[in-house]
PDB file of N, CA and C in Angstrom:
ATOM      1  N   MET A   1       2.946 -24.711  -3.100  1.00  0.00           N
ATOM      2  CA  MET A   1       2.456 -25.386  -4.296  1.00  0.00           C
ATOM      3  C   MET A   1       3.631 -25.993  -5.061  1.00  0.00           C
ATOM      4  N   TYR A   2       3.383 -27.146  -5.686  1.00  0.00           N
ATOM      5  CA  TYR A   2       4.430 -27.857  -6.409  1.00  0.00           C
ATOM      6  C   TYR A   2       4.853 -27.099  -7.660  1.00  0.00           C
ATOM      7  N   GLU A   3       6.162 -26.995  -7.852  1.00  0.00           N
ATOM      8  CA  GLU A   3       6.699 -26.377  -9.063  1.00  0.00           C
ATOM      9  C   GLU A   3       7.719 -27.326  -9.669  1.00  0.00           C
ATOM     10  N   ARG A   4       7.576 -27.612 -10.959  1.00  0.00           N
ATOM     11  CA  ARG A   4       8.480 -28.536 -11.641  1.00  0.00           C
ATOM     12  C   ARG A   4       9.900 -27.983 -11.686  1.00  0.00           C
ATOM     13  N   LYS A   5      10.859 -28.867 -11.413  1.00  0.00           N
ATOM     14  CA  LYS A   5      12.266 -28.476 -11.514  1.00  0.00           C
ATOM     15  C   LYS A   5      12.762 -28.640 -12.947  1.00  0.00           C
ATOM     16  N   ILE A   6      12.202 -29.615 -13.629  1.00  0.00           N
ATOM     17  CA  ILE A   6      12.566 -29.864 -15.026  1.00  0.00           C
ATOM     18  C   ILE A   6      11.364 -29.482 -15.879  1.00  0.00           C
ATOM     19  N   PRO A   7      11.544 -28.566 -16.821  1.00  0.00           N
ATOM     20  CA  PRO A   7      10.401 -28.144 -17.641  1.00  0.00           C
ATOM     21  C   PRO A   7       9.875 -29.296 -18.501  1.00  0.00           C
ATOM     22  N   LEU A   8       8.584 -29.244 -18.782  1.00  0.00           N
ATOM     23  CA  LEU A   8       7.965 -30.252 -19.640  1.00  0.00           C
ATOM     24  C   LEU A   8       8.549 -30.192 -21.039  1.00  0.00           C
ATOM     25  N   ASN A   9       8.752 -31.348 -21.621  1.00  0.00           N
ATOM     26  CA  ASN A   9       9.212 -31.450 -22.996  1.00  0.00           C
ATOM     27  C   ASN A   9       8.138 -32.241 -23.736  1.00  0.00           C
ATOM     28  N   LEU A  10       7.289 -31.539 -24.455  1.00  0.00           N
ATOM     29  CA  LEU A  10       6.164 -32.177 -25.137  1.00  0.00           C
ATOM     30  C   LEU A  10       6.269 -31.982 -26.645  1.00  0.00           C
ATOM     31  N   ASN A  11       7.408 -32.388 -27.191  1.00  0.00           N
ATOM     32  CA  ASN A  11       7.679 -32.136 -28.602  1.00  0.00           C
ATOM     33  C   ASN A  11       7.179 -33.222 -29.539  1.00  0.00           C
ATOM     34  N   CYS A  12       6.838 -34.394 -28.999  1.00  0.00           N
ATOM     35  CA  CYS A  12       6.368 -35.468 -29.884  1.00  0.00           C
ATOM     36  C   CYS A  12       5.417 -36.375 -29.111  1.00  0.00           C
ATOM     37  N   GLY A  13       4.816 -37.292 -29.821  1.00  0.00           N
ATOM     38  CA  GLY A  13       3.852 -38.202 -29.217  1.00  0.00           C
ATOM     39  C   GLY A  13       4.431 -39.043 -28.095  1.00  0.00           C
ATOM     40  N   LEU A  14       5.699 -39.458 -28.229  1.00  0.00           N
ATOM     41  CA  LEU A  14       6.308 -40.255 -27.164  1.00  0.00           C
ATOM     42  C   LEU A  14       6.462 -39.445 -25.883  1.00  0.00           C
ATOM     43  N   ASP A  15       6.809 -38.164 -26.017  1.00  0.00           N
ATOM     44  CA  ASP A  15       6.894 -37.289 -24.842  1.00  0.00           C
ATOM     45  C   ASP A  15       5.526 -37.165 -24.182  1.00  0.00           C
ATOM     46  N   LEU A  16       4.496 -36.987 -24.995  1.00  0.00           N
ATOM     47  CA  LEU A  16       3.143 -36.816 -24.473  1.00  0.00           C
ATOM     48  C   LEU A  16       2.658 -38.063 -23.747  1.00  0.00           C
ATOM     49  N   ILE A  17       2.825 -39.222 -24.373  1.00  0.00           N
ATOM     50  CA  ILE A  17       2.339 -40.447 -23.732  1.00  0.00           C
ATOM     51  C   ILE A  17       3.165 -40.771 -22.506  1.00  0.00           C
ATOM     52  N   GLY A  18       4.461 -40.452 -22.529  1.00  0.00           N
ATOM     53  CA  GLY A  18       5.287 -40.659 -21.344  1.00  0.00           C
ATOM     54  C   GLY A  18       4.804 -39.817 -20.184  1.00  0.00           C
ATOM     55  N   GLU A  19       4.426 -38.593 -20.453  1.00  0.00           N
ATOM     56  CA  GLU A  19       3.930 -37.704 -19.404  1.00  0.00           C
ATOM     57  C   GLU A  19       2.612 -38.215 -18.824  1.00  0.00           C
ATOM     58  N   VAL A  20       1.747 -38.730 -19.672  1.00  0.00           N
ATOM     59  CA  VAL A  20       0.437 -39.205 -19.221  1.00  0.00           C
ATOM     60  C   VAL A  20       0.549 -40.554 -18.503  1.00  0.00           C
ATOM     61  N   LEU A  21       1.408 -41.451 -18.976  1.00  0.00           N
ATOM     62  CA  LEU A  21       1.489 -42.797 -18.409  1.00  0.00           C
ATOM     63  C   LEU A  21       2.674 -42.996 -17.473  1.00  0.00           C
ATOM     64  N   TYR A  22       3.467 -41.938 -17.224  1.00  0.00           N
ATOM     65  CA  TYR A  22       4.585 -42.061 -16.312  1.00  0.00           C
ATOM     66  C   TYR A  22       4.061 -42.399 -14.929  1.00  0.00           C
ATOM     67  N   GLY A  23       4.554 -43.450 -14.363  1.00  0.00           N
ATOM     68  CA  GLY A  23       4.110 -43.929 -13.057  1.00  0.00           C
ATOM     69  C   GLY A  23       4.093 -45.443 -13.105  1.00  0.00           C
ATOM     70  N   LYS A  24       4.670 -46.063 -12.114  1.00  0.00           N
ATOM     71  CA  LYS A  24       4.872 -47.506 -12.129  1.00  0.00           C
ATOM     72  C   LYS A  24       3.600 -48.314 -12.326  1.00  0.00           C
ATOM     73  N   TRP A  25       2.471 -47.837 -11.825  1.00  0.00           N
ATOM     74  CA  TRP A  25       1.260 -48.657 -11.807  1.00  0.00           C
ATOM     75  C   TRP A  25       0.185 -48.219 -12.788  1.00  0.00           C
ATOM     76  N   LYS A  26       0.371 -47.135 -13.506  1.00  0.00           N
ATOM     77  CA  LYS A  26      -0.710 -46.585 -14.330  1.00  0.00           C
ATOM     78  C   LYS A  26      -1.186 -47.532 -15.427  1.00  0.00           C
ATOM     79  N   ILE A  27      -0.267 -48.173 -16.112  1.00  0.00           N
ATOM     80  CA  ILE A  27      -0.669 -49.080 -17.191  1.00  0.00           C
ATOM     81  C   ILE A  27      -1.461 -50.248 -16.621  1.00  0.00           C
ATOM     82  N   ARG A  28      -1.003 -50.778 -15.490  1.00  0.00           N
ATOM     83  CA  ARG A  28      -1.724 -51.881 -14.856  1.00  0.00           C
ATOM     84  C   ARG A  28      -3.102 -51.424 -14.376  1.00  0.00           C
ATOM     85  N   LEU A  29      -3.169 -50.230 -13.814  1.00  0.00           N
ATOM     86  CA  LEU A  29      -4.461 -49.711 -13.361  1.00  0.00           C
ATOM     87  C   LEU A  29      -5.443 -49.632 -14.520  1.00  0.00           C
ATOM     88  N   LEU A  30      -5.008 -49.091 -15.639  1.00  0.00           N
ATOM     89  CA  LEU A  30      -5.884 -48.997 -16.808  1.00  0.00           C
ATOM     90  C   LEU A  30      -6.336 -50.387 -17.254  1.00  0.00           C
ATOM     91  N   TRP A  31      -5.402 -51.327 -17.277  1.00  0.00           N
ATOM     92  CA  TRP A  31      -5.711 -52.689 -17.721  1.00  0.00           C
ATOM     93  C   TRP A  31      -6.733 -53.349 -16.787  1.00  0.00           C
ATOM     94  N   PHE A  32      -6.503 -53.243 -15.490  1.00  0.00           N
ATOM     95  CA  PHE A  32      -7.405 -53.888 -14.529  1.00  0.00           C
ATOM     96  C   PHE A  32      -8.769 -53.217 -14.489  1.00  0.00           C
ATOM     97  N   ILE A  33      -8.813 -51.908 -14.629  1.00  0.00           N
ATOM     98  CA  ILE A  33     -10.109 -51.222 -14.681  1.00  0.00           C
ATOM     99  C   ILE A  33     -10.883 -51.695 -15.909  1.00  0.00           C
ATOM    100  N   ASN A  34     -10.180 -51.854 -17.016  1.00  0.00           N
ATOM    101  CA  ASN A  34     -10.826 -52.357 -18.232  1.00  0.00           C
ATOM    102  C   ASN A  34     -11.369 -53.768 -18.028  1.00  0.00           C
ATOM    103  N   GLN A  35     -10.698 -54.573 -17.199  1.00  0.00           N
ATOM    104  CA  GLN A  35     -11.140 -55.949 -16.940  1.00  0.00           C
ATOM    105  C   GLN A  35     -12.292 -56.020 -15.943  1.00  0.00           C
ATOM    106  N   GLY A  36     -12.683 -54.872 -15.391  1.00  0.00           N
ATOM    107  CA  GLY A  36     -13.826 -54.872 -14.493  1.00  0.00           C
ATOM    108  C   GLY A  36     -13.489 -54.694 -13.031  1.00  0.00           C
ATOM    109  N   HIS A  37     -12.222 -54.531 -12.685  1.00  0.00           N
ATOM    110  CA  HIS A  37     -11.824 -54.308 -11.294  1.00  0.00           C
ATOM    111  C   HIS A  37     -11.892 -52.803 -11.040  1.00  0.00           C
ATOM    112  N   GLN A  38     -13.024 -52.353 -10.526  1.00  0.00           N
ATOM    113  CA  GLN A  38     -13.285 -50.917 -10.489  1.00  0.00           C
ATOM    114  C   GLN A  38     -13.191 -50.294  -9.107  1.00  0.00           C
ATOM    115  N   ARG A  39     -13.289 -51.066  -8.069  1.00  0.00           N
ATOM    116  CA  ARG A  39     -13.236 -50.522  -6.711  1.00  0.00           C
ATOM    117  C   ARG A  39     -11.783 -50.401  -6.271  1.00  0.00           C
ATOM    118  N   PRO A  40     -11.444 -49.381  -5.502  1.00  0.00           N
ATOM    119  CA  PRO A  40     -10.061 -49.231  -5.025  1.00  0.00           C
ATOM    120  C   PRO A  40      -9.528 -50.477  -4.314  1.00  0.00           C
ATOM    121  N   SER A  41     -10.374 -51.137  -3.522  1.00  0.00           N
ATOM    122  CA  SER A  41      -9.924 -52.339  -2.811  1.00  0.00           C
ATOM    123  C   SER A  41      -9.601 -53.475  -3.791  1.00  0.00           C
ATOM    124  N   GLN A  42     -10.370 -53.583  -4.879  1.00  0.00           N
ATOM    125  CA  GLN A  42     -10.087 -54.603  -5.893  1.00  0.00           C
ATOM    126  C   GLN A  42      -8.756 -54.312  -6.575  1.00  0.00           C
ATOM    127  N   LEU A  43      -8.531 -53.051  -6.891  1.00  0.00           N
ATOM    128  CA  LEU A  43      -7.277 -52.668  -7.545  1.00  0.00           C
ATOM    129  C   LEU A  43      -6.098 -52.913  -6.615  1.00  0.00           C
ATOM    130  N   GLN A  44      -6.276 -52.647  -5.329  1.00  0.00           N
ATOM    131  CA  GLN A  44      -5.221 -52.892  -4.343  1.00  0.00           C
ATOM    132  C   GLN A  44      -4.875 -54.378  -4.285  1.00  0.00           C
ATOM    133  N   ARG A  45      -5.892 -55.240  -4.342  1.00  0.00           N
ATOM    134  CA  ARG A  45      -5.637 -56.679  -4.331  1.00  0.00           C
ATOM    135  C   ARG A  45      -4.920 -57.136  -5.603  1.00  0.00           C
ATOM    136  N   LYS A  46      -5.227 -56.515  -6.732  1.00  0.00           N
ATOM    137  CA  LYS A  46      -4.576 -56.886  -7.996  1.00  0.00           C
ATOM    138  C   LYS A  46      -3.122 -56.402  -8.050  1.00  0.00           C
ATOM    139  N   ILE A  47      -2.816 -55.330  -7.305  1.00  0.00           N
ATOM    140  CA  ILE A  47      -1.464 -54.757  -7.303  1.00  0.00           C
ATOM    141  C   ILE A  47      -1.001 -54.629  -5.846  1.00  0.00           C
ATOM    142  N   PRO A  48      -0.745 -55.751  -5.175  1.00  0.00           N
ATOM    143  CA  PRO A  48      -0.442 -55.704  -3.748  1.00  0.00           C
ATOM    144  C   PRO A  48       0.879 -55.009  -3.404  1.00  0.00           C
ATOM    145  N   ASP A  49       1.801 -54.909  -4.355  1.00  0.00           N
ATOM    146  CA  ASP A  49       3.085 -54.257  -4.088  1.00  0.00           C
ATOM    147  C   ASP A  49       2.966 -52.742  -4.000  1.00  0.00           C
ATOM    148  N   ALA A  50       1.880 -52.195  -4.504  1.00  0.00           N
ATOM    149  CA  ALA A  50       1.681 -50.740  -4.495  1.00  0.00           C
ATOM    150  C   ALA A  50       0.957 -50.327  -3.220  1.00  0.00           C
ATOM    151  N   SER A  51       1.373 -49.214  -2.656  1.00  0.00           N
ATOM    152  CA  SER A  51       0.666 -48.707  -1.480  1.00  0.00           C
ATOM    153  C   SER A  51      -0.658 -48.086  -1.913  1.00  0.00           C
ATOM    154  N   ARG A  52      -1.589 -48.055  -1.001  1.00  0.00           N
ATOM    155  CA  ARG A  52      -2.905 -47.470  -1.288  1.00  0.00           C
ATOM    156  C   ARG A  52      -2.750 -46.003  -1.686  1.00  0.00           C
ATOM    157  N   ARG A  53      -1.842 -45.298  -1.000  1.00  0.00           N
ATOM    158  CA  ARG A  53      -1.598 -43.880  -1.276  1.00  0.00           C
ATOM    159  C   ARG A  53      -1.121 -43.664  -2.715  1.00  0.00           C
ATOM    160  N   VAL A  54      -0.140 -44.468  -3.141  1.00  0.00           N
ATOM    161  CA  VAL A  54       0.393 -44.319  -4.503  1.00  0.00           C
ATOM    162  C   VAL A  54      -0.676 -44.649  -5.536  1.00  0.00           C
ATOM    163  N   LEU A  55      -1.451 -45.694  -5.287  1.00  0.00           N
ATOM    164  CA  LEU A  55      -2.528 -46.024  -6.224  1.00  0.00           C
ATOM    165  C   LEU A  55      -3.527 -44.873  -6.321  1.00  0.00           C
ATOM    166  N   ASN A  56      -3.878 -44.275  -5.183  1.00  0.00           N
ATOM    167  CA  ASN A  56      -4.817 -43.153  -5.203  1.00  0.00           C
ATOM    168  C   ASN A  56      -4.250 -41.963  -5.967  1.00  0.00           C
ATOM    169  N   ILE A  57      -2.967 -41.681  -5.787  1.00  0.00           N
ATOM    170  CA  ILE A  57      -2.329 -40.577  -6.508  1.00  0.00           C
ATOM    171  C   ILE A  57      -2.363 -40.844  -8.003  1.00  0.00           C
ATOM    172  N   GLN A  58      -1.998 -42.068  -8.397  1.00  0.00           N
ATOM    173  CA  GLN A  58      -1.950 -42.375  -9.824  1.00  0.00           C
ATOM    174  C   GLN A  58      -3.345 -42.439 -10.429  1.00  0.00           C
ATOM    175  N   LEU A  59      -4.334 -42.907  -9.685  1.00  0.00           N
ATOM    176  CA  LEU A  59      -5.711 -42.878 -10.175  1.00  0.00           C
ATOM    177  C   LEU A  59      -6.183 -41.437 -10.367  1.00  0.00           C
ATOM    178  N   LYS A  60      -5.818 -40.569  -9.443  1.00  0.00           N
ATOM    179  CA  LYS A  60      -6.186 -39.162  -9.570  1.00  0.00           C
ATOM    180  C   LYS A  60      -5.532 -38.530 -10.805  1.00  0.00           C
ATOM    181  N   GLU A  61      -4.274 -38.887 -11.079  1.00  0.00           N
ATOM    182  CA  GLU A  61      -3.598 -38.377 -12.278  1.00  0.00           C
ATOM    183  C   GLU A  61      -4.269 -38.900 -13.540  1.00  0.00           C
ATOM    184  N   LEU A  62      -4.635 -40.185 -13.549  1.00  0.00           N
ATOM    185  CA  LEU A  62      -5.337 -40.749 -14.710  1.00  0.00           C
ATOM    186  C   LEU A  62      -6.677 -40.061 -14.907  1.00  0.00           C
ATOM    187  N   GLU A  63      -7.329 -39.724 -13.800  1.00  0.00           N
ATOM    188  CA  GLU A  63      -8.588 -38.998 -13.881  1.00  0.00           C
ATOM    189  C   GLU A  63      -8.353 -37.595 -14.444  1.00  0.00           C
ATOM    190  N   GLY A  64      -7.288 -36.942 -14.007  1.00  0.00           N
ATOM    191  CA  GLY A  64      -6.953 -35.608 -14.509  1.00  0.00           C
ATOM    192  C   GLY A  64      -6.621 -35.602 -15.989  1.00  0.00           C
ATOM    193  N   HIS A  65      -6.073 -36.720 -16.483  1.00  0.00           N
ATOM    194  CA  HIS A  65      -5.750 -36.840 -17.906  1.00  0.00           C
ATOM    195  C   HIS A  65      -6.930 -37.399 -18.703  1.00  0.00           C
ATOM    196  N   GLU A  66      -8.084 -37.490 -18.057  1.00  0.00           N
ATOM    197  CA  GLU A  66      -9.338 -37.912 -18.683  1.00  0.00           C
ATOM    198  C   GLU A  66      -9.292 -39.334 -19.252  1.00  0.00           C
ATOM    199  N   LEU A  67      -8.521 -40.210 -18.577  1.00  0.00           N
ATOM    200  CA  LEU A  67      -8.461 -41.608 -18.984  1.00  0.00           C
ATOM    201  C   LEU A  67      -9.418 -42.469 -18.160  1.00  0.00           C
ATOM    202  N   VAL A  68      -9.684 -42.037 -16.922  1.00  0.00           N
ATOM    203  CA  VAL A  68     -10.655 -42.732 -16.076  1.00  0.00           C
ATOM    204  C   VAL A  68     -11.615 -41.716 -15.455  1.00  0.00           C
ATOM    205  N   THR A  69     -12.776 -42.215 -15.071  1.00  0.00           N
ATOM    206  CA  THR A  69     -13.717 -41.392 -14.316  1.00  0.00           C
ATOM    207  C   THR A  69     -13.941 -42.066 -12.972  1.00  0.00           C
ATOM    208  N   LYS A  70     -14.229 -41.241 -11.992  1.00  0.00           N
ATOM    209  CA  LYS A  70     -14.460 -41.716 -10.629  1.00  0.00           C
ATOM    210  C   LYS A  70     -15.909 -41.424 -10.271  1.00  0.00           C
ATOM    211  N   LYS A  71     -16.613 -42.460  -9.837  1.00  0.00           N
ATOM    212  CA  LYS A  71     -17.998 -42.273  -9.409  1.00  0.00           C
ATOM    213  C   LYS A  71     -18.071 -42.563  -7.916  1.00  0.00           C
ATOM    214  N   ILE A  72     -18.598 -41.612  -7.184  1.00  0.00           N
ATOM    215  CA  ILE A  72     -18.770 -41.759  -5.741  1.00  0.00           C
ATOM    216  C   ILE A  72     -20.261 -41.938  -5.458  1.00  0.00           C
ATOM    217  N   TYR A  73     -20.608 -43.052  -4.841  1.00  0.00           N
ATOM    218  CA  TYR A  73     -22.005 -43.341  -4.518  1.00  0.00           C
ATOM    219  C   TYR A  73     -22.335 -42.755  -3.142  1.00  0.00           C
ATOM    220  N   PRO A  74     -23.491 -42.130  -3.012  1.00  0.00           N
ATOM    221  CA  PRO A  74     -23.868 -41.499  -1.742  1.00  0.00           C
ATOM    222  C   PRO A  74     -24.411 -42.511  -0.730  1.00  0.00           C
ATOM    223  N   VAL A  75     -23.520 -43.375  -0.253  1.00  0.00           N
ATOM    224  CA  VAL A  75     -23.900 -44.366   0.755  1.00  0.00           C
ATOM    225  C   VAL A  75     -22.878 -44.314   1.889  1.00  0.00           C
ATOM    226  N   VAL A  76     -23.228 -44.933   3.000  1.00  0.00           N
ATOM    227  CA  VAL A  76     -22.310 -45.026   4.132  1.00  0.00           C
ATOM    228  C   VAL A  76     -22.023 -46.498   4.371  1.00  0.00           C
ATOM    229  N   PRO A  77     -20.774 -46.913   4.372  1.00  0.00           N
ATOM    230  CA  PRO A  77     -19.586 -46.133   4.056  1.00  0.00           C
ATOM    231  C   PRO A  77     -19.541 -45.779   2.571  1.00  0.00           C
ATOM    232  N   PRO A  78     -18.764 -44.747   2.209  1.00  0.00           N
ATOM    233  CA  PRO A  78     -18.710 -44.318   0.810  1.00  0.00           C
ATOM    234  C   PRO A  78     -18.247 -45.440  -0.122  1.00  0.00           C
ATOM    235  N   LYS A  79     -18.846 -45.490  -1.274  1.00  0.00           N
ATOM    236  CA  LYS A  79     -18.480 -46.474  -2.297  1.00  0.00           C
ATOM    237  C   LYS A  79     -17.951 -45.708  -3.500  1.00  0.00           C
ATOM    238  N   VAL A  80     -16.784 -46.113  -3.982  1.00  0.00           N
ATOM    239  CA  VAL A  80     -16.138 -45.453  -5.118  1.00  0.00           C
ATOM    240  C   VAL A  80     -15.867 -46.503  -6.195  1.00  0.00           C
ATOM    241  N   GLU A  81     -16.120 -46.133  -7.433  1.00  0.00           N
ATOM    242  CA  GLU A  81     -15.792 -46.997  -8.572  1.00  0.00           C
ATOM    243  C   GLU A  81     -15.140 -46.170  -9.662  1.00  0.00           C
ATOM    244  N   TYR A  82     -14.176 -46.789 -10.324  1.00  0.00           N
ATOM    245  CA  TYR A  82     -13.496 -46.162 -11.451  1.00  0.00           C
ATOM    246  C   TYR A  82     -13.904 -46.878 -12.730  1.00  0.00           C
ATOM    247  N   SER A  83     -13.976 -46.129 -13.816  1.00  0.00           N
ATOM    248  CA  SER A  83     -14.222 -46.731 -15.122  1.00  0.00           C
ATOM    249  C   SER A  83     -13.410 -45.965 -16.159  1.00  0.00           C
ATOM    250  N   LEU A  84     -13.142 -46.639 -17.265  1.00  0.00           N
ATOM    251  CA  LEU A  84     -12.403 -45.990 -18.345  1.00  0.00           C
ATOM    252  C   LEU A  84     -13.320 -45.046 -19.108  1.00  0.00           C
ATOM    253  N   THR A  85     -12.773 -43.926 -19.506  1.00  0.00           N
ATOM    254  CA  THR A  85     -13.487 -43.037 -20.417  1.00  0.00           C
ATOM    255  C   THR A  85     -13.345 -43.604 -21.820  1.00  0.00           C
ATOM    256  N   ASP A  86     -14.070 -43.043 -22.767  1.00  0.00           N
ATOM    257  CA  ASP A  86     -13.881 -43.465 -24.165  1.00  0.00           C
ATOM    258  C   ASP A  86     -12.441 -43.212 -24.595  1.00  0.00           C
ATOM    259  N   PHE A  87     -11.870 -42.104 -24.139  1.00  0.00           N
ATOM    260  CA  PHE A  87     -10.472 -41.776 -24.436  1.00  0.00           C
ATOM    261  C   PHE A  87      -9.544 -42.822 -23.824  1.00  0.00           C
ATOM    262  N   GLY A  88      -9.798 -43.234 -22.592  1.00  0.00           N
ATOM    263  CA  GLY A  88      -8.991 -44.253 -21.924  1.00  0.00           C
ATOM    264  C   GLY A  88      -9.073 -45.601 -22.622  1.00  0.00           C
ATOM    265  N   LYS A  89     -10.258 -45.917 -23.156  1.00  0.00           N
ATOM    266  CA  LYS A  89     -10.429 -47.195 -23.858  1.00  0.00           C
ATOM    267  C   LYS A  89      -9.561 -47.284 -25.100  1.00  0.00           C
ATOM    268  N   THR A  90      -9.186 -46.141 -25.679  1.00  0.00           N
ATOM    269  CA  THR A  90      -8.336 -46.176 -26.879  1.00  0.00           C
ATOM    270  C   THR A  90      -6.923 -46.654 -26.551  1.00  0.00           C
ATOM    271  N   LEU A  91      -6.530 -46.638 -25.279  1.00  0.00           N
ATOM    272  CA  LEU A  91      -5.202 -47.122 -24.883  1.00  0.00           C
ATOM    273  C   LEU A  91      -5.139 -48.629 -24.717  1.00  0.00           C
ATOM    274  N   ILE A  92      -6.271 -49.279 -24.538  1.00  0.00           N
ATOM    275  CA  ILE A  92      -6.276 -50.715 -24.244  1.00  0.00           C
ATOM    276  C   ILE A  92      -5.610 -51.540 -25.351  1.00  0.00           C
ATOM    277  N   PRO A  93      -5.874 -51.299 -26.641  1.00  0.00           N
ATOM    278  CA  PRO A  93      -5.164 -52.071 -27.669  1.00  0.00           C
ATOM    279  C   PRO A  93      -3.647 -51.855 -27.619  1.00  0.00           C
ATOM    280  N   VAL A  94      -3.218 -50.648 -27.280  1.00  0.00           N
ATOM    281  CA  VAL A  94      -1.781 -50.354 -27.182  1.00  0.00           C
ATOM    282  C   VAL A  94      -1.178 -51.136 -26.017  1.00  0.00           C
ATOM    283  N   ILE A  95      -1.851 -51.115 -24.875  1.00  0.00           N
ATOM    284  CA  ILE A  95      -1.370 -51.849 -23.702  1.00  0.00           C
ATOM    285  C   ILE A  95      -1.352 -53.345 -23.989  1.00  0.00           C
ATOM    286  N   SER A  96      -2.349 -53.829 -24.716  1.00  0.00           N
ATOM    287  CA  SER A  96      -2.419 -55.242 -25.076  1.00  0.00           C
ATOM    288  C   SER A  96      -1.221 -55.649 -25.925  1.00  0.00           C
ATOM    289  N   VAL A  97      -0.853 -54.825 -26.890  1.00  0.00           N
ATOM    290  CA  VAL A  97       0.296 -55.125 -27.756  1.00  0.00           C
ATOM    291  C   VAL A  97       1.592 -55.117 -26.942  1.00  0.00           C
ATOM    292  N   LEU A  98       1.732 -54.159 -26.027  1.00  0.00           N
ATOM    293  CA  LEU A  98       2.917 -54.124 -25.167  1.00  0.00           C
ATOM    294  C   LEU A  98       2.997 -55.392 -24.310  1.00  0.00           C
ATOM    295  N   GLY A  99       1.871 -55.807 -23.748  1.00  0.00           N
ATOM    296  CA  GLY A  99       1.846 -57.019 -22.938  1.00  0.00           C
ATOM    297  C   GLY A  99       2.188 -58.251 -23.753  1.00  0.00           C
ATOM    298  N   GLN A 100       1.681 -58.309 -24.965  1.00  0.00           N
ATOM    299  CA  GLN A 100       1.973 -59.440 -25.852  1.00  0.00           C
ATOM    300  C   GLN A 100       3.462 -59.493 -26.169  1.00  0.00           C
ATOM    301  N   TRP A 101       4.065 -58.338 -26.448  1.00  0.00           N
ATOM    302  CA  TRP A 101       5.504 -58.281 -26.720  1.00  0.00           C
ATOM    303  C   TRP A 101       6.283 -58.767 -25.495  1.00  0.00           C
ATOM    304  N   GLY A 102       5.845 -58.356 -24.304  1.00  0.00           N
ATOM    305  CA  GLY A 102       6.499 -58.804 -23.075  1.00  0.00           C
ATOM    306  C   GLY A 102       6.382 -60.309 -22.896  1.00  0.00           C
ATOM    307  N   ASP A 103       5.204 -60.862 -23.191  1.00  0.00           N
ATOM    308  CA  ASP A 103       5.009 -62.309 -23.086  1.00  0.00           C
ATOM    309  C   ASP A 103       5.893 -63.058 -24.076  1.00  0.00           C
ATOM    310  N   GLU A 104       5.976 -62.557 -25.303  1.00  0.00           N
ATOM    311  CA  GLU A 104       6.766 -63.217 -26.344  1.00  0.00           C
ATOM    312  C   GLU A 104       8.261 -63.169 -26.049  1.00  0.00           C
ATOM    313  N   ASN A 105       8.695 -62.184 -25.293  1.00  0.00           N
ATOM    314  CA  ASN A 105      10.115 -62.020 -24.992  1.00  0.00           C
ATOM    315  C   ASN A 105      10.411 -62.186 -23.502  1.00  0.00           C
ATOM    316  N   GLU A 106       9.527 -62.933 -22.836  1.00  0.00           N
ATOM    317  CA  GLU A 106       9.605 -63.038 -21.378  1.00  0.00           C
ATOM    318  C   GLU A 106      10.951 -63.545 -20.877  1.00  0.00           C
ATOM    319  N   GLU A 107      11.449 -64.652 -21.418  1.00  0.00           N
ATOM    320  CA  GLU A 107      12.714 -65.214 -20.928  1.00  0.00           C
ATOM    321  C   GLU A 107      13.870 -64.244 -21.104  1.00  0.00           C
ATOM    322  N   ARG A 108      13.973 -63.664 -22.271  1.00  0.00           N
ATOM    323  CA  ARG A 108      15.071 -62.733 -22.546  1.00  0.00           C
ATOM    324  C   ARG A 108      14.986 -61.507 -21.639  1.00  0.00           C
ATOM    325  N   LEU A 109      13.793 -60.935 -21.528  1.00  0.00           N
ATOM    326  CA  LEU A 109      13.619 -59.755 -20.693  1.00  0.00           C
ATOM    327  C   LEU A 109      13.912 -60.069 -19.230  1.00  0.00           C
ATOM    328  N   ARG A 110      13.422 -61.209 -18.757  1.00  0.00           N
ATOM    329  CA  ARG A 110      13.647 -61.611 -17.371  1.00  0.00           C
ATOM    330  C   ARG A 110      15.146 -61.738 -17.065  1.00  0.00           C
ATOM    331  N   SER A 111      15.891 -62.402 -17.986  1.00  0.00           N
ATOM    332  CA  SER A 111      17.324 -62.578 -17.744  1.00  0.00           C
ATOM    333  C   SER A 111      18.062 -61.234 -17.806  1.00  0.00           C
ATOM    334  N   LEU A 112      17.656 -60.347 -18.704  1.00  0.00           N
ATOM    335  CA  LEU A 112      18.295 -59.032 -18.787  1.00  0.00           C
ATOM    336  C   LEU A 112      18.015 -58.201 -17.535  1.00  0.00           C
ATOM    337  N   ILE A 113      16.791 -58.254 -17.054  1.00  0.00           N
ATOM    338  CA  ILE A 113      16.433 -57.478 -15.862  1.00  0.00           C
ATOM    339  C   ILE A 113      17.179 -58.017 -14.644  1.00  0.00           C
ATOM    340  N   LEU A 114      17.261 -59.317 -14.510  1.00  0.00           N
ATOM    341  CA  LEU A 114      17.953 -59.908 -13.360  1.00  0.00           C
ATOM    342  C   LEU A 114      19.463 -59.693 -13.428  1.00  0.00           C
ATOM    343  N   LYS A 115      19.991 -59.624 -14.649  1.00  0.00           N
ATOM    344  CA  LYS A 115      21.435 -59.405 -14.839  1.00  0.00           C
ATOM    345  C   LYS A 115      21.807 -57.948 -14.551  1.00  0.00           C
ATOM    346  N   ASN A 116      20.912 -57.025 -14.850  1.00  0.00           N
ATOM    347  CA  ASN A 116      21.176 -55.591 -14.684  1.00  0.00           C
ATOM    348  C   ASN A 116      20.083 -54.940 -13.829  1.00  0.00           C
ATOM    349  N   PRO A 117      20.066 -55.228 -12.520  1.00  0.00           N
ATOM    350  CA  PRO A 117      18.978 -54.694 -11.697  1.00  0.00           C
ATOM    351  C   PRO A 117      18.973 -53.206 -11.561  1.00  0.00           C
TER     352      PRO A 117
END
């Protein structure tokens, strides 16, 4: 069984949100699910750089943190859809503001990232 090497540090809100949203694709997953892309294959197409395995792991973590729910339909082949919980929907305005800040500072951020990979 997995055991953390570094103990959790949950002393403030930033620590808490970092723990819940830590993962390269989680913010994008929440955003795309909110936009209506609910099937795993749709999410894979929206985030082609991510492996299916990593997306599944991060979706499972988001589900464990009660930000998304997973519905499995009893059909063959199995059909799975994800949706945001009411708790998950409260993150959308925060993600929107972060995206807006990124858009407003796109040139500067792009040059800084390319200068310091």
